[in-house]
Protein backbone atom coordinates (compact mmCIF):
# COMPACT_ATOMS: atom_id res chain seq x y z
CA UNK A 1 0.12 0.08 0.06
CA UNK A 2 2.54 2.41 1.17
CA UNK A 3 4.54 1.70 -2.51
CA UNK A 4 1.47 2.21 -4.37
CA UNK A 5 0.86 5.67 -2.63
CA UNK A 6 4.43 6.87 -3.18
CA UNK A 7 3.99 5.82 -6.51
CA UNK A 8 1.20 7.77 -7.13
CA UNK A 9 2.49 10.90 -5.47
CA UNK A 10 5.02 11.01 -7.68
CA UNK A 11 2.90 10.51 -10.80
CA UNK A 12 0.89 13.40 -9.80
CA UNK A 13 3.94 15.25 -8.85
CA UNK A 14 5.30 14.63 -12.48
CA UNK A 15 2.07 15.17 -14.26
CA UNK A 16 1.94 18.99 -12.00
CA UNK A 17 5.38 19.57 -13.11
CA UNK A 18 4.65 18.68 -16.85
CA UNK A 19 1.55 20.99 -16.84
CA UNK A 20 3.81 23.63 -15.44
CA UNK A 21 6.31 23.60 -17.73
CA UNK A 22 3.93 23.75 -20.63
CA UNK A 23 1.35 26.48 -19.87
CA UNK A 24 3.94 29.48 -20.24
CA UNK A 25 2.45 31.37 -17.27
CA UNK A 26 5.29 33.45 -15.32
CA UNK A 27 5.75 31.72 -11.63
CA UNK A 28 5.93 35.38 -10.19
CA UNK A 29 5.53 39.10 -10.21
CA UNK A 30 7.52 41.96 -8.72
CA UNK A 31 5.59 44.92 -8.44
CA UNK A 32 4.69 48.01 -6.58
CA UNK A 33 4.58 51.74 -6.30
CA UNK A 34 7.13 54.72 -5.20
CA UNK A 35 6.20 58.47 -5.15
CA UNK A 36 7.65 59.75 -8.14
CA UNK A 37 10.55 61.88 -7.94
CA UNK A 38 9.83 64.12 -10.69
CA UNK A 39 6.64 64.60 -10.45
CA UNK A 40 5.12 66.39 -7.00
CA UNK A 41 2.03 64.34 -5.93
CA UNK A 42 2.97 61.58 -8.52
CA UNK A 43 3.07 57.91 -7.73
CA UNK A 44 5.52 55.60 -10.43
CA UNK A 45 4.45 51.83 -10.75
CA UNK A 46 5.83 48.66 -11.96
CA UNK A 47 4.94 45.12 -12.56
CA UNK A 48 7.18 42.43 -13.72
CA UNK A 49 6.43 39.07 -14.81
CA UNK A 50 9.17 36.45 -14.22
CA UNK A 51 9.80 32.94 -14.61
CA UNK A 52 11.98 30.59 -12.38
CA UNK A 53 15.88 30.31 -13.83
CA UNK A 54 14.99 33.72 -15.65
CA UNK A 55 13.90 36.23 -13.40
CA UNK A 56 11.75 39.00 -14.99
CA UNK A 57 10.64 38.34 -18.60
CA UNK A 58 8.51 41.60 -19.31
CA UNK A 59 8.07 44.76 -17.32
CA UNK A 60 5.45 47.29 -17.02
CA UNK A 61 6.20 50.74 -16.17
CA UNK A 62 4.06 53.53 -15.57
CA UNK A 63 5.87 57.20 -14.68
CA UNK A 64 3.72 59.91 -13.25
CA UNK A 65 5.99 62.33 -14.50
CA UNK A 66 4.63 63.23 -18.39
CA UNK A 67 1.90 59.99 -17.45
CA UNK A 68 4.36 57.78 -19.75
CA UNK A 69 3.84 54.13 -20.06
CA UNK A 70 6.61 52.32 -21.06
CA UNK A 71 5.84 48.18 -22.05
CA UNK A 72 9.44 46.12 -22.38
CA UNK A 73 9.92 42.25 -23.31
CA UNK A 74 12.80 40.81 -21.74
CA UNK A 75 13.01 37.64 -23.24
CA UNK A 76 12.45 36.08 -26.85
CA UNK A 77 10.51 33.47 -26.30
CA UNK A 78 7.02 34.62 -28.59
CA UNK A 79 5.27 36.01 -25.94
CA UNK A 80 4.77 39.54 -24.71
CA UNK A 81 3.65 41.85 -22.59
CA UNK A 82 0.65 44.89 -22.55
CA UNK A 83 -1.50 46.72 -20.04
CA UNK A 84 -4.99 48.29 -19.54
CA UNK A 85 -4.61 51.76 -18.11
CA UNK A 86 -7.80 52.86 -17.33
CA UNK A 87 -9.56 50.85 -19.73
CA UNK A 88 -7.60 50.88 -22.66
CA UNK A 89 -5.52 48.59 -23.74
CA UNK A 90 -1.86 49.14 -24.96
CA UNK A 91 0.66 46.72 -26.14
CA UNK A 92 4.36 46.58 -26.43
CA UNK A 93 5.04 46.38 -30.53
CA UNK A 94 8.94 45.97 -30.64
CA UNK A 95 11.23 43.38 -30.20
CA UNK A 96 12.65 41.50 -27.38
CA UNK A 97 14.99 43.74 -25.23
CA UNK A 98 13.08 46.66 -27.07
CA UNK A 99 10.45 48.89 -25.19
CA UNK A 100 7.39 50.94 -26.43
CA UNK A 101 6.34 54.24 -24.85
CA UNK A 102 3.24 55.87 -25.08
CA UNK A 103 2.25 59.27 -23.71
CA UNK A 104 -0.93 59.17 -22.16
CA UNK A 105 -2.80 62.66 -20.43
CA UNK A 106 -4.35 62.53 -17.45
CA UNK A 107 -5.37 65.16 -15.14
CA UNK A 108 -3.09 66.07 -12.32
CA UNK A 109 -3.25 64.25 -8.95
CA UNK A 110 -5.76 61.65 -10.49
CA UNK A 111 -5.46 57.58 -9.52
CA UNK A 112 -4.40 55.54 -12.27
CA UNK A 113 -4.95 51.94 -13.04
CA UNK A 114 -2.73 49.65 -14.48
CA UNK A 115 -3.50 46.40 -15.67
CA UNK A 116 -0.16 44.65 -16.81
CA UNK A 117 -0.54 41.26 -18.45
CA UNK A 118 1.41 38.75 -20.51
CA UNK A 119 0.22 38.05 -24.23
CA UNK A 120 0.60 34.97 -26.30
CA UNK A 121 -0.70 34.82 -29.83
CA UNK A 122 -3.56 37.14 -29.12
CA UNK A 123 -4.32 35.87 -25.63
CA UNK A 124 -4.03 37.88 -22.35
CA UNK A 125 -3.35 36.09 -18.92
CA UNK A 126 -1.22 36.53 -16.33
CA UNK A 127 -2.72 39.75 -15.19
CA UNK A 128 -2.09 42.18 -12.18
CA UNK A 129 -3.03 45.81 -11.36
CA UNK A 130 -1.52 48.62 -9.56
CA UNK A 131 -2.32 52.10 -8.78
CA UNK A 132 -0.47 54.96 -9.85
CA UNK A 133 -1.08 58.42 -9.65
CA UNK A 134 -0.69 61.20 -12.14
């Protein structure tokens, strides 16, 4: 009986590991916000998806000064990054290791929702929201 349980446990663990390797989702996030050094009252925010053994695979940054959104793909794996900022979709349009910058416009002091997501062939997944301030 004990040998059967060990075999079953090993089979489940191997299946879970195989699923984790094939789903293509990031395993962790680094995220946060900090008072903007260039915009009094502003709050800059960032989200990075990370994969085990690699580190950050993408980066989404909202800068209060000039209300700029910067998206960057940090791994040439065929996947990408995008963000909903106040409900409008923006996506990284360059190659891996390059960034795409958007110059947005919001009234000073307004709270801004920044929902950073990974993309894969039109699918959007692994989203996380931070709240910046213009």
